[in-house]
């Protein structure tokens, strides 16, 4: 039976995710400006969901930090 490959050690920080979200938001603005509203809206909807998930992660981390101290 083959072994599972090791999990990557490089994890993204909240700041890395925020920078990616900002870059994708600029891309959505360019799409909108090019008349590709449907693609821009789909990207903005996905970014909104990603932002909400990031907020939930931060809330969980802050709660965990409070309980550890």
C-alpha atoms as a PDB file:
ATOM      1  CA  UNK A   1       0.000   0.000   0.000  1.00  0.00           C
ATOM      2  CA  UNK A   2       1.552   3.351  -0.984  1.00  0.00           C
ATOM      3  CA  UNK A   3       2.310   5.844   1.742  1.00  0.00           C
ATOM      4  CA  UNK A   4       0.543   9.171   1.873  1.00  0.00           C
ATOM      5  CA  UNK A   5       2.695  12.094   0.749  1.00  0.00           C
ATOM      6  CA  UNK A   6       3.692  14.425   3.576  1.00  0.00           C
ATOM      7  CA  UNK A   7       1.493  17.437   4.115  1.00  0.00           C
ATOM      8  CA  UNK A   8       3.032  20.728   3.006  1.00  0.00           C
ATOM      9  CA  UNK A   9       4.485  22.772   5.850  1.00  0.00           C
ATOM     10  CA  UNK A  10       3.896  26.168   4.292  1.00  0.00           C
ATOM     11  CA  UNK A  11       0.605  27.515   5.587  1.00  0.00           C
ATOM     12  CA  UNK A  12      -0.916  30.806   4.569  1.00  0.00           C
ATOM     13  CA  UNK A  13      -1.306  33.497   7.180  1.00  0.00           C
ATOM     14  CA  UNK A  14      -4.330  35.744   7.448  1.00  0.00           C
ATOM     15  CA  UNK A  15      -2.261  38.548   5.899  1.00  0.00           C
ATOM     16  CA  UNK A  16      -1.381  36.331   2.916  1.00  0.00           C
ATOM     17  CA  UNK A  17      -5.051  35.536   2.390  1.00  0.00           C
ATOM     18  CA  UNK A  18      -6.000  39.223   2.654  1.00  0.00           C
ATOM     19  CA  UNK A  19      -3.422  40.163   0.010  1.00  0.00           C
ATOM     20  CA  UNK A  20      -4.781  37.476  -2.310  1.00  0.00           C
ATOM     21  CA  UNK A  21      -8.337  38.712  -1.747  1.00  0.00           C
ATOM     22  CA  UNK A  22      -7.299  42.288  -2.575  1.00  0.00           C
ATOM     23  CA  UNK A  23      -5.553  41.171  -5.766  1.00  0.00           C
ATOM     24  CA  UNK A  24      -8.602  39.178  -6.853  1.00  0.00           C
ATOM     25  CA  UNK A  25     -10.841  42.140  -6.026  1.00  0.00           C
ATOM     26  CA  UNK A  26      -8.774  44.299  -8.405  1.00  0.00           C
ATOM     27  CA  UNK A  27      -9.168  41.609 -11.032  1.00  0.00           C
ATOM     28  CA  UNK A  28     -12.951  41.709 -10.555  1.00  0.00           C
ATOM     29  CA  UNK A  29     -12.893  45.488 -11.019  1.00  0.00           C
ATOM     30  CA  UNK A  30     -10.989  45.073 -14.282  1.00  0.00           C
ATOM     31  CA  UNK A  31     -13.454  42.433 -15.457  1.00  0.00           C
ATOM     32  CA  UNK A  32     -16.344  44.752 -14.640  1.00  0.00           C
ATOM     33  CA  UNK A  33     -14.665  47.580 -16.523  1.00  0.00           C
ATOM     34  CA  UNK A  34     -14.192  45.316 -19.538  1.00  0.00           C
ATOM     35  CA  UNK A  35     -17.926  44.641 -19.658  1.00  0.00           C
ATOM     36  CA  UNK A  36     -17.659  41.143 -18.175  1.00  0.00           C
ATOM     37  CA  UNK A  37     -20.105  41.742 -15.349  1.00  0.00           C
ATOM     38  CA  UNK A  38     -21.175  38.100 -14.967  1.00  0.00           C
ATOM     39  CA  UNK A  39     -17.605  36.928 -14.364  1.00  0.00           C
ATOM     40  CA  UNK A  40     -16.905  39.865 -12.065  1.00  0.00           C
ATOM     41  CA  UNK A  41     -20.026  39.175 -10.014  1.00  0.00           C
ATOM     42  CA  UNK A  42     -19.154  35.491  -9.663  1.00  0.00           C
ATOM     43  CA  UNK A  43     -15.658  36.415  -8.493  1.00  0.00           C
ATOM     44  CA  UNK A  44     -16.990  39.006  -6.052  1.00  0.00           C
ATOM     45  CA  UNK A  45     -19.472  36.477  -4.635  1.00  0.00           C
ATOM     46  CA  UNK A  46     -16.654  33.969  -4.105  1.00  0.00           C
ATOM     47  CA  UNK A  47     -14.488  36.644  -2.474  1.00  0.00           C
ATOM     48  CA  UNK A  48     -17.348  37.565  -0.169  1.00  0.00           C
ATOM     49  CA  UNK A  49     -17.623  33.944   0.975  1.00  0.00           C
ATOM     50  CA  UNK A  50     -13.856  33.782   1.456  1.00  0.00           C
ATOM     51  CA  UNK A  51     -13.917  36.969   3.534  1.00  0.00           C
ATOM     52  CA  UNK A  52     -16.664  35.541   5.745  1.00  0.00           C
ATOM     53  CA  UNK A  53     -14.674  32.327   6.230  1.00  0.00           C
ATOM     54  CA  UNK A  54     -11.577  34.342   7.123  1.00  0.00           C
ATOM     55  CA  UNK A  55     -13.610  36.282   9.691  1.00  0.00           C
ATOM     56  CA  UNK A  56     -14.813  33.021  11.252  1.00  0.00           C
ATOM     57  CA  UNK A  57     -11.216  31.769  11.435  1.00  0.00           C
ATOM     58  CA  UNK A  58     -10.117  34.974  13.142  1.00  0.00           C
ATOM     59  CA  UNK A  59     -12.980  34.747  15.634  1.00  0.00           C
ATOM     60  CA  UNK A  60     -12.005  31.169  16.421  1.00  0.00           C
ATOM     61  CA  UNK A  61      -8.352  32.119  16.841  1.00  0.00           C
ATOM     62  CA  UNK A  62      -9.183  35.027  19.128  1.00  0.00           C
ATOM     63  CA  UNK A  63     -11.410  32.807  21.267  1.00  0.00           C
ATOM     64  CA  UNK A  64      -8.688  30.189  21.453  1.00  0.00           C
ATOM     65  CA  UNK A  65      -6.123  32.815  22.467  1.00  0.00           C
ATOM     66  CA  UNK A  66      -8.430  34.075  25.227  1.00  0.00           C
ATOM     67  CA  UNK A  67      -8.953  30.596  26.636  1.00  0.00           C
ATOM     68  CA  UNK A  68      -5.225  29.827  26.597  1.00  0.00           C
ATOM     69  CA  UNK A  69      -4.296  32.809  28.767  1.00  0.00           C
END
